[in-house]
Amino acid sequence: MVPVLTPDGMKTVDEFSPSPPARAGSVVSVLVVDDEAAVRRFACRVLERAGYSVFEAIDGLEALELIQGQTVALEVVVSDIVMPRMNGVELMQALALSRPSLPVILMSGYATSALSERGIVAPCGILTKPFLAEHLLAEVDRCVRRPGGGSSAA
């Protein structure tokens, strides 16, 4: 079982009771991209338990291939920044051209200010690792509800 840190203390993902997905009555599809299997599985499990339809990729290149060949309409991408082959910023830049309305949430061990210094600005959201399950769900919900969604790259 994967432990989840909540404001009420540690719980397993099985004990975690999230709020329902952003769009009641329809399934929201999310793509989780991270080369660290433990982080990717944690995010996928939290999102699945909350009622999201979840797809996963190990890096930006696999994510881009999945998105380009996807028959299911993805509504948000949650991606790590530092990955082999194609990193999260490169993925966000490619999506800004091919799918500009697709929201991208970046995950990083770097502080938000450090990301700004590196020219990484204005994705739909940034999650600083490690993050709480509630923070992941809140960011996904906020980005799905955001008018126009979209990713932007420097």
C-alpha atoms as a PDB file:
ATOM      1  CA  MET A   1       0.000   0.000   0.000  1.00  0.00           C
ATOM      2  CA  VAL A   2       1.183   3.491  -0.847  1.00  0.00           C
ATOM      3  CA  PRO A   3       1.077   5.932   2.097  1.00  0.00           C
ATOM      4  CA  VAL A   4      -0.567   9.290   1.469  1.00  0.00           C
ATOM      5  CA  LEU A   5       0.202  12.307   3.642  1.00  0.00           C
ATOM      6  CA  THR A   6      -3.026  14.172   4.323  1.00  0.00           C
ATOM      7  CA  PRO A   7      -3.748  17.134   6.613  1.00  0.00           C
ATOM      8  CA  ASP A   8      -5.194  14.540   9.034  1.00  0.00           C
ATOM      9  CA  GLY A   9      -2.010  12.443   9.031  1.00  0.00           C
ATOM     10  CA  MET A  10      -0.789   9.419   7.077  1.00  0.00           C
ATOM     11  CA  LYS A  11      -3.318   7.243   5.260  1.00  0.00           C
ATOM     12  CA  THR A  12      -2.974   4.573   2.611  1.00  0.00           C
ATOM     13  CA  VAL A  13      -4.339   5.381  -0.816  1.00  0.00           C
ATOM     14  CA  ASP A  14      -7.109   2.870  -0.032  1.00  0.00           C
ATOM     15  CA  GLU A  15      -8.177   4.937   3.018  1.00  0.00           C
ATOM     16  CA  PHE A  16      -8.026   8.227   1.145  1.00  0.00           C
ATOM     17  CA  SER A  17     -11.489   9.561   0.209  1.00  0.00           C
ATOM     18  CA  PRO A  18     -11.100  12.234  -2.460  1.00  0.00           C
ATOM     19  CA  SER A  19     -13.795  14.499  -3.795  1.00  0.00           C
ATOM     20  CA  PRO A  20     -15.438  13.464  -7.078  1.00  0.00           C
ATOM     21  CA  PRO A  21     -13.910  14.414 -10.453  1.00  0.00           C
ATOM     22  CA  ALA A  22     -14.379  17.924 -11.776  1.00  0.00           C
ATOM     23  CA  ARG A  23     -17.062  17.057 -14.316  1.00  0.00           C
ATOM     24  CA  ALA A  24     -19.830  15.032 -12.731  1.00  0.00           C
ATOM     25  CA  GLY A  25     -21.471  12.662 -15.191  1.00  0.00           C
ATOM     26  CA  SER A  26     -18.477  12.400 -17.521  1.00  0.00           C
ATOM     27  CA  VAL A  27     -15.096  10.775 -17.147  1.00  0.00           C
ATOM     28  CA  VAL A  28     -12.147  13.160 -17.127  1.00  0.00           C
ATOM     29  CA  SER A  29      -9.054  11.688 -18.831  1.00  0.00           C
ATOM     30  CA  VAL A  30      -5.620  12.495 -17.407  1.00  0.00           C
ATOM     31  CA  LEU A  31      -2.158  11.563 -18.682  1.00  0.00           C
ATOM     32  CA  VAL A  32       0.537  11.164 -16.001  1.00  0.00           C
ATOM     33  CA  VAL A  33       4.122  11.403 -17.278  1.00  0.00           C
ATOM     34  CA  ASP A  34       7.069  10.555 -15.006  1.00  0.00           C
ATOM     35  CA  ASP A  35      10.132   8.376 -15.395  1.00  0.00           C
ATOM     36  CA  GLU A  36      10.057   7.516 -11.669  1.00  0.00           C
ATOM     37  CA  ALA A  37       7.730   4.520 -11.438  1.00  0.00           C
ATOM     38  CA  ALA A  38       6.832   5.133  -7.766  1.00  0.00           C
ATOM     39  CA  VAL A  39       5.767   8.743  -8.383  1.00  0.00           C
ATOM     40  CA  ARG A  40       3.877   7.812 -11.545  1.00  0.00           C
ATOM     41  CA  ARG A  41       2.046   4.930  -9.828  1.00  0.00           C
ATOM     42  CA  PHE A  42       1.194   7.108  -6.821  1.00  0.00           C
ATOM     43  CA  ALA A  43      -0.286   9.865  -9.007  1.00  0.00           C
ATOM     44  CA  CYS A  44      -2.171   7.366 -11.171  1.00  0.00           C
ATOM     45  CA  ARG A  45      -3.623   5.556  -8.192  1.00  0.00           C
ATOM     46  CA  VAL A  46      -4.765   8.770  -6.481  1.00  0.00           C
ATOM     47  CA  LEU A  47      -6.417   9.981  -9.690  1.00  0.00           C
ATOM     48  CA  GLU A  48      -8.034   6.611 -10.455  1.00  0.00           C
ATOM     49  CA  ARG A  49      -9.454   6.380  -6.921  1.00  0.00           C
ATOM     50  CA  ALA A  50     -10.925   9.848  -7.447  1.00  0.00           C
ATOM     51  CA  GLY A  51     -12.751   8.623 -10.573  1.00  0.00           C
ATOM     52  CA  TYR A  52     -10.445   9.903 -13.310  1.00  0.00           C
ATOM     53  CA  SER A  53      -9.563   7.833 -16.369  1.00  0.00           C
ATOM     54  CA  VAL A  54      -5.762   7.700 -16.223  1.00  0.00           C
ATOM     55  CA  PHE A  55      -3.139   6.991 -18.861  1.00  0.00           C
ATOM     56  CA  GLU A  56       0.588   6.940 -18.183  1.00  0.00           C
ATOM     57  CA  ALA A  57       3.883   7.474 -19.976  1.00  0.00           C
ATOM     58  CA  ILE A  58       7.498   7.160 -18.826  1.00  0.00           C
ATOM     59  CA  ASP A  59       8.788  10.302 -20.574  1.00  0.00           C
ATOM     60  CA  GLY A  60       7.748  13.172 -22.806  1.00  0.00           C
ATOM     61  CA  LEU A  61       8.393  11.306 -26.057  1.00  0.00           C
ATOM     62  CA  GLU A  62       6.151   8.389 -25.070  1.00  0.00           C
ATOM     63  CA  ALA A  63       3.529  10.912 -23.896  1.00  0.00           C
ATOM     64  CA  LEU A  64       3.628  12.819 -27.182  1.00  0.00           C
ATOM     65  CA  GLU A  65       3.304   9.578 -29.164  1.00  0.00           C
ATOM     66  CA  LEU A  66       0.345   8.529 -26.999  1.00  0.00           C
ATOM     67  CA  ILE A  67      -1.350  11.929 -27.347  1.00  0.00           C
ATOM     68  CA  GLN A  68      -0.873  12.043 -31.119  1.00  0.00           C
ATOM     69  CA  GLY A  69      -2.295   8.538 -31.562  1.00  0.00           C
ATOM     70  CA  GLN A  70      -4.954   8.831 -28.867  1.00  0.00           C
ATOM     71  CA  THR A  71      -8.573   8.096 -29.653  1.00  0.00           C
ATOM     72  CA  VAL A  72      -9.641   9.249 -26.177  1.00  0.00           C
ATOM     73  CA  ALA A  73      -9.726  13.006 -25.651  1.00  0.00           C
ATOM     74  CA  LEU A  74      -7.306  13.837 -22.846  1.00  0.00           C
ATOM     75  CA  GLU A  75      -8.323  16.772 -20.692  1.00  0.00           C
ATOM     76  CA  VAL A  76      -5.119  17.381 -18.733  1.00  0.00           C
ATOM     77  CA  VAL A  77      -1.473  16.256 -18.664  1.00  0.00           C
ATOM     78  CA  VAL A  78       0.472  15.959 -15.404  1.00  0.00           C
ATOM     79  CA  SER A  79       4.185  15.758 -16.232  1.00  0.00           C
ATOM     80  CA  ASP A  80       7.489  15.659 -14.429  1.00  0.00           C
ATOM     81  CA  ILE A  81      10.062  18.126 -15.714  1.00  0.00           C
ATOM     82  CA  VAL A  82      13.326  16.165 -15.551  1.00  0.00           C
ATOM     83  CA  MET A  83      13.061  13.011 -17.688  1.00  0.00           C
ATOM     84  CA  PRO A  84      15.191  11.257 -20.326  1.00  0.00           C
ATOM     85  CA  ARG A  85      14.596  11.570 -24.095  1.00  0.00           C
ATOM     86  CA  MET A  86      12.045  14.421 -23.900  1.00  0.00           C
ATOM     87  CA  ASN A  87      11.626  16.412 -20.687  1.00  0.00           C
ATOM     88  CA  GLY A  88       8.427  17.991 -19.398  1.00  0.00           C
ATOM     89  CA  VAL A  89       9.229  21.472 -20.705  1.00  0.00           C
ATOM     90  CA  GLU A  90       9.879  20.115 -24.213  1.00  0.00           C
ATOM     91  CA  LEU A  91       6.603  18.171 -23.980  1.00  0.00           C
ATOM     92  CA  MET A  92       4.772  21.330 -22.869  1.00  0.00           C
ATOM     93  CA  GLN A  93       6.302  23.272 -25.798  1.00  0.00           C
ATOM     94  CA  ALA A  94       5.258  20.572 -28.298  1.00  0.00           C
ATOM     95  CA  LEU A  95       1.731  20.511 -26.876  1.00  0.00           C
ATOM     96  CA  ALA A  96       1.505  24.315 -27.008  1.00  0.00           C
ATOM     97  CA  LEU A  97       1.874  23.946 -30.799  1.00  0.00           C
ATOM     98  CA  SER A  98      -0.177  20.803 -31.463  1.00  0.00           C
ATOM     99  CA  ARG A  99      -2.788  20.919 -28.661  1.00  0.00           C
ATOM    100  CA  PRO A 100      -2.753  24.491 -27.272  1.00  0.00           C
ATOM    101  CA  SER A 101      -5.956  24.040 -25.280  1.00  0.00           C
ATOM    102  CA  LEU A 102      -4.664  20.951 -23.413  1.00  0.00           C
ATOM    103  CA  PRO A 103      -3.740  21.993 -19.850  1.00  0.00           C
ATOM    104  CA  VAL A 104      -0.317  20.884 -18.571  1.00  0.00           C
ATOM    105  CA  ILE A 105       0.582  20.596 -14.895  1.00  0.00           C
ATOM    106  CA  LEU A 106       4.302  20.272 -14.230  1.00  0.00           C
ATOM    107  CA  MET A 107       5.747  18.316 -11.297  1.00  0.00           C
ATOM    108  CA  SER A 108       9.174  19.235 -10.008  1.00  0.00           C
ATOM    109  CA  GLY A 109      11.507  18.942  -7.077  1.00  0.00           C
ATOM    110  CA  TYR A 110      12.581  22.520  -7.851  1.00  0.00           C
ATOM    111  CA  ALA A 111      10.953  25.502  -6.166  1.00  0.00           C
ATOM    112  CA  THR A 112       8.649  27.618  -8.353  1.00  0.00           C
ATOM    113  CA  SER A 113      11.140  30.516  -8.292  1.00  0.00           C
ATOM    114  CA  ALA A 114      13.896  28.231  -9.593  1.00  0.00           C
ATOM    115  CA  LEU A 115      11.629  27.180 -12.458  1.00  0.00           C
ATOM    116  CA  SER A 116      10.965  30.819 -13.369  1.00  0.00           C
ATOM    117  CA  GLU A 117      14.713  31.480 -13.416  1.00  0.00           C
ATOM    118  CA  ARG A 118      15.058  28.623 -15.923  1.00  0.00           C
ATOM    119  CA  GLY A 119      12.420  30.215 -18.187  1.00  0.00           C
ATOM    120  CA  ILE A 120       9.677  27.738 -17.263  1.00  0.00           C
ATOM    121  CA  VAL A 121       6.549  29.848 -16.926  1.00  0.00           C
ATOM    122  CA  ALA A 122       2.774  29.716 -17.056  1.00  0.00           C
ATOM    123  CA  PRO A 123       1.799  26.073 -17.313  1.00  0.00           C
ATOM    124  CA  CYS A 124      -1.660  25.401 -15.941  1.00  0.00           C
ATOM    125  CA  GLY A 125      -0.055  24.527 -12.600  1.00  0.00           C
ATOM    126  CA  ILE A 126       3.104  23.420 -10.847  1.00  0.00           C
ATOM    127  CA  LEU A 127       3.252  20.727  -8.177  1.00  0.00           C
ATOM    128  CA  THR A 128       6.376  20.759  -6.041  1.00  0.00           C
ATOM    129  CA  LYS A 129       7.526  17.230  -5.132  1.00  0.00           C
ATOM    130  CA  PRO A 130       6.778  15.696  -2.791  1.00  0.00           C
ATOM    131  CA  PHE A 131       3.115  16.664  -2.913  1.00  0.00           C
ATOM    132  CA  LEU A 132      -0.028  15.669  -1.059  1.00  0.00           C
ATOM    133  CA  ALA A 133      -2.725  13.668  -2.823  1.00  0.00           C
ATOM    134  CA  GLU A 134      -5.112  16.559  -2.155  1.00  0.00           C
ATOM    135  CA  HIS A 135      -2.773  18.989  -3.936  1.00  0.00           C
ATOM    136  CA  LEU A 136      -2.621  16.765  -7.021  1.00  0.00           C
ATOM    137  CA  LEU A 137      -6.413  16.455  -7.122  1.00  0.00           C
ATOM    138  CA  ALA A 138      -6.929  20.180  -6.534  1.00  0.00           C
ATOM    139  CA  GLU A 139      -4.544  21.129  -9.373  1.00  0.00           C
ATOM    140  CA  VAL A 140      -6.103  18.662 -11.806  1.00  0.00           C
ATOM    141  CA  ASP A 141      -9.596  19.864 -10.874  1.00  0.00           C
ATOM    142  CA  ARG A 142      -8.582  23.535 -11.225  1.00  0.00           C
ATOM    143  CA  CYS A 143      -6.980  22.982 -14.628  1.00  0.00           C
ATOM    144  CA  VAL A 144      -9.895  20.944 -15.970  1.00  0.00           C
ATOM    145  CA  ARG A 145     -12.322  23.704 -14.909  1.00  0.00           C
ATOM    146  CA  ARG A 146     -10.093  26.525 -16.186  1.00  0.00           C
ATOM    147  CA  PRO A 147     -11.604  28.265 -19.229  1.00  0.00           C
ATOM    148  CA  GLY A 148      -9.424  27.758 -22.277  1.00  0.00           C
ATOM    149  CA  GLY A 149      -7.092  25.394 -20.349  1.00  0.00           C
ATOM    150  CA  GLY A 150      -3.937  25.424 -22.346  1.00  0.00           C
ATOM    151  CA  SER A 151      -0.249  25.174 -21.919  1.00  0.00           C
ATOM    152  CA  SER A 152       2.235  27.871 -22.626  1.00  0.00           C
ATOM    153  CA  ALA A 153       5.951  27.729 -22.962  1.00  0.00           C
ATOM    154  CA  ALA A 154       8.688  30.314 -22.788  1.00  0.00           C
END
